[in-house]
Amino acid sequence: MLRVLQVIGKMDRAGAETIIMNIYRNIDRSKVQFDFMVFSSEKGDYDDEILQLGGNIYRMTAFKGYNYFRLCEEFRKFFEKYPNGVAFGVKIEGKNVCHFEALSYEEMIKGFGSKYVQSDLKDSFSKIKKYLQEGKRVLFSGTPCQTAALKTFVGGGF
């Protein structure tokens, strides 16, 4: 079975959340199962239904800029508990802001101090698609338009 990690702020009744739930209710959950990484300690409107449908909810600290180290530590623990994963984040190289892949916490800390801006994705999308095809869990951090482009690039099978 393929498990897809949905990364979203909180599963309340809003636009993207409702679309995800409509898809989740209608997929063949014997073949594909959704899990959710949310950035809120508060219970979301859809949480009970997610659990009833067989999904998991992983709660993370809400990103505030000043708590990047804490959030990275939570990601490190998440990937220790659920190995076979990779994270894609943003780092500053000279005057350039670019995406990079991290297979460990030590690699993830390269992103400390980066800002939430458009970045050079280089070959990140191709690498992400390859990792997904290999069955690895992928965490992608990017702007909304980059995330939408990634979803289009990898297709609906993931």
Protein backbone atom coordinates (compact mmCIF):
# COMPACT_ATOMS: atom_id res chain seq x y z
CA MET A 1 0.00 0.00 0.00
CA LEU A 2 1.20 3.50 -0.85
CA ARG A 3 1.10 6.02 2.02
CA VAL A 4 0.95 9.70 1.07
CA LEU A 5 1.90 12.31 3.65
CA GLN A 6 -0.27 15.42 3.37
CA VAL A 7 1.55 18.40 4.94
CA ILE A 8 -0.82 21.19 5.94
CA GLY A 9 -1.33 23.71 8.74
CA LYS A 10 -4.44 22.24 10.39
CA MET A 11 -7.26 20.09 9.06
CA ASP A 12 -10.12 22.55 9.49
CA ARG A 13 -12.98 23.14 7.05
CA ALA A 14 -11.23 25.33 4.49
CA GLY A 15 -10.44 25.23 0.76
CA ALA A 16 -7.43 22.93 0.38
CA GLU A 17 -8.38 20.86 3.41
CA THR A 18 -11.88 20.18 2.07
CA ILE A 19 -10.53 19.21 -1.36
CA ILE A 20 -8.04 16.80 0.25
CA MET A 21 -10.83 15.25 2.33
CA ASN A 22 -13.11 14.86 -0.71
CA ILE A 23 -10.31 12.99 -2.48
CA TYR A 24 -9.51 10.96 0.65
CA ARG A 25 -13.13 9.82 1.06
CA ASN A 26 -13.28 8.59 -2.53
CA ILE A 27 -9.92 6.86 -3.10
CA ASP A 28 -9.37 3.12 -2.82
CA ARG A 29 -7.86 3.11 0.67
CA SER A 30 -6.76 -0.51 0.26
CA LYS A 31 -4.23 0.81 -2.30
CA VAL A 32 -3.53 4.38 -1.11
CA GLN A 33 -3.71 5.74 2.42
CA PHE A 34 -3.30 9.37 3.46
CA ASP A 35 -1.42 10.46 6.56
CA PHE A 36 -1.35 14.07 7.74
CA MET A 37 1.43 16.22 9.17
CA VAL A 38 -0.18 19.26 10.75
CA PHE A 39 1.46 22.26 12.38
CA SER A 40 -0.97 22.76 15.24
CA SER A 41 -1.51 21.19 18.64
CA GLU A 42 -5.24 21.96 18.36
CA LYS A 43 -7.70 19.38 17.08
CA GLY A 44 -8.85 20.07 13.52
CA ASP A 45 -12.41 19.78 12.22
CA TYR A 46 -11.53 16.72 10.10
CA ASP A 47 -9.28 14.90 12.62
CA ASP A 48 -11.90 12.37 13.81
CA GLU A 49 -12.85 11.48 10.23
CA ILE A 50 -9.16 11.10 9.22
CA LEU A 51 -8.64 8.60 12.04
CA GLN A 52 -11.86 6.73 11.16
CA LEU A 53 -10.67 6.40 7.55
CA GLY A 54 -7.39 4.87 8.73
CA GLY A 55 -5.09 7.87 8.46
CA ASN A 56 -2.48 8.99 10.96
CA ILE A 57 -2.07 12.55 12.22
CA TYR A 58 1.44 13.72 13.09
CA ARG A 59 1.48 16.99 15.05
CA MET A 60 4.41 19.36 14.63
CA THR A 61 5.24 22.75 16.09
CA ALA A 62 3.86 25.64 14.05
CA PHE A 63 6.71 27.35 12.18
CA LYS A 64 7.31 30.89 13.43
CA GLY A 65 10.77 31.64 12.03
CA TYR A 66 12.38 31.85 15.46
CA ASN A 67 11.69 28.16 16.22
CA TYR A 68 13.36 26.61 13.15
CA PHE A 69 15.77 24.58 15.34
CA ARG A 70 12.89 23.06 17.30
CA LEU A 71 11.00 22.22 14.13
CA CYS A 72 14.10 20.61 12.59
CA GLU A 73 14.50 18.52 15.72
CA GLU A 74 10.89 17.37 15.39
CA PHE A 75 11.54 16.46 11.74
CA ARG A 76 14.67 14.56 12.79
CA LYS A 77 12.65 12.54 15.29
CA PHE A 78 9.91 11.97 12.70
CA PHE A 79 12.38 10.58 10.15
CA GLU A 80 14.06 8.43 12.83
CA LYS A 81 10.69 6.92 13.68
CA TYR A 82 9.70 6.60 10.00
CA PRO A 83 12.92 5.88 8.11
CA ASN A 84 13.35 5.77 4.37
CA GLY A 85 12.53 9.46 4.01
CA VAL A 86 14.08 12.56 2.54
CA ALA A 87 13.46 16.27 3.08
CA PHE A 88 13.83 19.10 0.57
CA GLY A 89 14.48 22.53 2.05
CA VAL A 90 15.99 25.89 1.17
CA LYS A 91 19.47 27.24 1.87
CA ILE A 92 21.39 30.37 0.97
CA GLU A 93 24.50 29.90 -1.19
CA GLY A 94 26.25 33.25 -1.60
CA LYS A 95 23.64 35.49 -3.22
CA ASN A 96 21.47 32.58 -4.35
CA VAL A 97 18.58 30.86 -2.60
CA CYS A 98 18.27 27.25 -3.73
CA HIS A 99 16.61 23.98 -2.78
CA PHE A 100 18.62 21.04 -1.48
CA GLU A 101 17.90 17.49 -0.39
CA ALA A 102 18.57 16.26 3.14
CA LEU A 103 18.82 12.59 4.02
CA SER A 104 19.75 13.29 7.64
CA TYR A 105 19.33 15.87 10.35
CA GLU A 106 22.95 16.96 9.81
CA GLU A 107 22.11 17.80 6.20
CA MET A 108 18.84 19.48 7.19
CA ILE A 109 20.59 22.08 9.36
CA LYS A 110 22.06 23.58 6.17
CA GLY A 111 18.71 25.36 5.91
CA PHE A 112 19.05 27.17 9.24
CA GLY A 113 18.70 30.91 8.69
CA SER A 114 17.02 30.67 5.28
CA LYS A 115 13.95 32.76 4.49
CA TYR A 116 10.59 31.90 2.96
CA VAL A 117 11.23 33.09 -0.59
CA GLN A 118 11.17 31.77 -4.13
CA SER A 119 14.24 29.64 -4.75
CA ASP A 120 16.16 27.89 -7.50
CA LEU A 121 14.78 24.35 -7.47
CA LYS A 122 17.62 22.95 -9.62
CA ASP A 123 16.81 19.26 -10.16
CA SER A 124 14.74 18.86 -6.96
CA PHE A 125 11.53 17.83 -8.75
CA SER A 126 13.27 15.02 -10.66
CA LYS A 127 14.93 13.77 -7.47
CA ILE A 128 11.66 13.93 -5.54
CA LYS A 129 9.84 11.92 -8.22
CA LYS A 130 12.63 9.32 -8.17
CA TYR A 131 12.46 9.02 -4.37
CA LEU A 132 8.67 8.64 -4.49
CA GLN A 133 8.97 5.93 -7.14
CA GLU A 134 11.41 4.14 -4.80
CA GLY A 135 8.77 4.26 -2.06
CA LYS A 136 10.55 6.82 0.13
CA ARG A 137 8.74 9.43 2.19
CA VAL A 138 9.45 12.95 0.98
CA LEU A 139 9.03 16.21 2.86
CA PHE A 140 9.07 19.27 0.58
CA SER A 141 9.29 22.85 1.82
CA GLY A 142 8.53 25.54 -0.73
CA THR A 143 6.28 28.42 -1.68
CA PRO A 144 2.65 27.62 -2.59
CA CYS A 145 3.33 27.93 -6.33
CA GLN A 146 6.39 25.64 -6.08
CA THR A 147 4.33 23.06 -4.17
CA ALA A 148 1.55 23.21 -6.79
CA ALA A 149 4.13 22.78 -9.56
CA LEU A 150 5.65 19.78 -7.77
CA LYS A 151 2.24 18.11 -7.46
CA THR A 152 1.68 18.59 -11.18
CA PHE A 153 5.18 17.30 -12.02
CA VAL A 154 4.97 14.07 -9.99
CA GLY A 155 1.39 13.36 -11.05
CA GLY A 156 -1.54 11.88 -9.19
CA GLY A 157 0.09 8.54 -8.42
CA PHE A 158 1.86 9.92 -5.35
